[in-house]
Amino acid sequence: MADKEDKNPENVKGQFYVDSQCIDCDLCRETAPNNFTREEDEGYSYLSKQPENDEERELCIEAMEGCPVEAIGDDGE
């Protein structure tokens, strides 16, 4: 389960986030490319844009549920 106290610093504020458990598998970026971005130097994902509509929200939830290391969290904000 993702730890909101261990969020990657690049995450934008809001409901979803990625924590330091991310293994750079690319699943979230493939599932919700408008919302997740890769930090190139360190090699991990972060939430670059919170979902702005139901479709993006559903894709973020799909990415969270599919994350192999449960690095994506939902604050419910």
C-alpha atoms as a PDB file:
ATOM      1  CA  MET A   1       0.000   0.000   0.000  1.00  0.00           C
ATOM      2  CA  ALA A   2       1.298   3.441  -0.945  1.00  0.00           C
ATOM      3  CA  ASP A   3       2.540   5.654   1.885  1.00  0.00           C
ATOM      4  CA  LYS A   4       1.377   9.273   1.724  1.00  0.00           C
ATOM      5  CA  GLU A   5       4.255  10.217   4.029  1.00  0.00           C
ATOM      6  CA  ASP A   6       6.702   8.911   1.400  1.00  0.00           C
ATOM      7  CA  LYS A   7       5.382  10.636  -1.749  1.00  0.00           C
ATOM      8  CA  ASN A   8       7.800  11.417  -4.554  1.00  0.00           C
ATOM      9  CA  PRO A   9       8.440  15.180  -4.352  1.00  0.00           C
ATOM     10  CA  GLU A  10       7.351  15.879  -7.951  1.00  0.00           C
ATOM     11  CA  ASN A  11       3.733  14.796  -7.390  1.00  0.00           C
ATOM     12  CA  VAL A  12       1.213  17.564  -7.886  1.00  0.00           C
ATOM     13  CA  LYS A  13      -1.103  18.131  -4.918  1.00  0.00           C
ATOM     14  CA  GLY A  14      -4.368  16.287  -4.924  1.00  0.00           C
ATOM     15  CA  GLN A  15      -6.055  12.931  -4.696  1.00  0.00           C
ATOM     16  CA  PHE A  16      -3.519  10.613  -6.365  1.00  0.00           C
ATOM     17  CA  TYR A  17       0.233  10.283  -5.821  1.00  0.00           C
ATOM     18  CA  VAL A  18       3.184   7.918  -6.331  1.00  0.00           C
ATOM     19  CA  ASP A  19       5.518   7.047  -3.465  1.00  0.00           C
ATOM     20  CA  SER A  20       9.170   5.965  -3.391  1.00  0.00           C
ATOM     21  CA  GLN A  21       8.318   2.266  -3.855  1.00  0.00           C
ATOM     22  CA  CYS A  22       7.950   2.894  -7.617  1.00  0.00           C
ATOM     23  CA  ILE A  23      10.101   0.515  -9.676  1.00  0.00           C
ATOM     24  CA  ASP A  24       9.715   2.412 -12.975  1.00  0.00           C
ATOM     25  CA  CYS A  25       7.732  -0.388 -14.645  1.00  0.00           C
ATOM     26  CA  ASP A  26       5.883   2.076 -16.926  1.00  0.00           C
ATOM     27  CA  LEU A  27       2.410   0.605 -16.288  1.00  0.00           C
ATOM     28  CA  CYS A  28       0.928   3.831 -14.926  1.00  0.00           C
ATOM     29  CA  ARG A  29       2.420   5.932 -17.724  1.00  0.00           C
ATOM     30  CA  GLU A  30       0.968   3.549 -20.311  1.00  0.00           C
ATOM     31  CA  THR A  31      -2.427   3.383 -18.579  1.00  0.00           C
ATOM     32  CA  ALA A  32      -2.860   7.099 -17.817  1.00  0.00           C
ATOM     33  CA  PRO A  33      -0.267   8.978 -19.915  1.00  0.00           C
ATOM     34  CA  ASN A  34      -1.942  12.359 -19.352  1.00  0.00           C
ATOM     35  CA  ASN A  35      -1.464  12.042 -15.603  1.00  0.00           C
ATOM     36  CA  PHE A  36       1.754  10.134 -14.894  1.00  0.00           C
ATOM     37  CA  THR A  37       5.258  11.185 -15.948  1.00  0.00           C
ATOM     38  CA  ARG A  38       8.715   9.672 -15.554  1.00  0.00           C
ATOM     39  CA  GLU A  39      11.417  11.339 -13.487  1.00  0.00           C
ATOM     40  CA  GLU A  40      14.250  10.730 -15.939  1.00  0.00           C
ATOM     41  CA  ASP A  41      17.301  11.141 -13.679  1.00  0.00           C
ATOM     42  CA  GLU A  42      16.197   8.835 -10.866  1.00  0.00           C
ATOM     43  CA  GLY A  43      13.889   6.560 -12.876  1.00  0.00           C
ATOM     44  CA  TYR A  44      10.472   6.581 -11.225  1.00  0.00           C
ATOM     45  CA  SER A  45       6.975   7.833 -11.939  1.00  0.00           C
ATOM     46  CA  TYR A  46       5.038  10.655 -10.348  1.00  0.00           C
ATOM     47  CA  LEU A  47       1.667  12.273 -10.818  1.00  0.00           C
ATOM     48  CA  SER A  48       2.211  15.263 -13.066  1.00  0.00           C
ATOM     49  CA  LYS A  49      -1.481  16.162 -13.393  1.00  0.00           C
ATOM     50  CA  GLN A  50      -4.456  15.249 -11.245  1.00  0.00           C
ATOM     51  CA  PRO A  51      -7.411  13.836 -13.174  1.00  0.00           C
ATOM     52  CA  GLU A  52      -9.684  16.536 -14.564  1.00  0.00           C
ATOM     53  CA  ASN A  53     -12.594  14.350 -15.670  1.00  0.00           C
ATOM     54  CA  ASP A  54     -14.194  10.952 -15.043  1.00  0.00           C
ATOM     55  CA  GLU A  55     -12.179   9.249 -17.797  1.00  0.00           C
ATOM     56  CA  GLU A  56      -8.840  10.396 -16.379  1.00  0.00           C
ATOM     57  CA  ARG A  57      -9.969   9.482 -12.850  1.00  0.00           C
ATOM     58  CA  GLU A  58     -10.913   5.970 -13.998  1.00  0.00           C
ATOM     59  CA  LEU A  59      -7.537   5.552 -15.736  1.00  0.00           C
ATOM     60  CA  CYS A  60      -5.696   6.672 -12.572  1.00  0.00           C
ATOM     61  CA  ILE A  61      -7.683   4.144 -10.546  1.00  0.00           C
ATOM     62  CA  GLU A  62      -6.866   1.450 -13.114  1.00  0.00           C
ATOM     63  CA  ALA A  63      -3.170   2.349 -12.868  1.00  0.00           C
ATOM     64  CA  MET A  64      -3.335   2.272  -9.060  1.00  0.00           C
ATOM     65  CA  GLU A  65      -5.028  -1.132  -9.037  1.00  0.00           C
ATOM     66  CA  GLY A  66      -2.531  -2.533 -11.556  1.00  0.00           C
ATOM     67  CA  CYS A  67       0.634  -1.201  -9.909  1.00  0.00           C
ATOM     68  CA  PRO A  68       2.775  -4.275  -9.113  1.00  0.00           C
ATOM     69  CA  VAL A  69       4.328  -2.709  -5.999  1.00  0.00           C
ATOM     70  CA  GLU A  70       1.306  -0.665  -4.851  1.00  0.00           C
ATOM     71  CA  ALA A  71       3.244   2.598  -5.170  1.00  0.00           C
ATOM     72  CA  ILE A  72       0.199   4.631  -6.288  1.00  0.00           C
ATOM     73  CA  GLY A  73      -2.004   6.048  -3.583  1.00  0.00           C
ATOM     74  CA  ASP A  74      -5.347   7.770  -3.319  1.00  0.00           C
ATOM     75  CA  ASP A  75      -5.715  10.372  -0.561  1.00  0.00           C
ATOM     76  CA  GLY A  76      -9.372  10.802  -1.370  1.00  0.00           C
ATOM     77  CA  GLU A  77      -8.831  14.585  -1.511  1.00  0.00           C
END
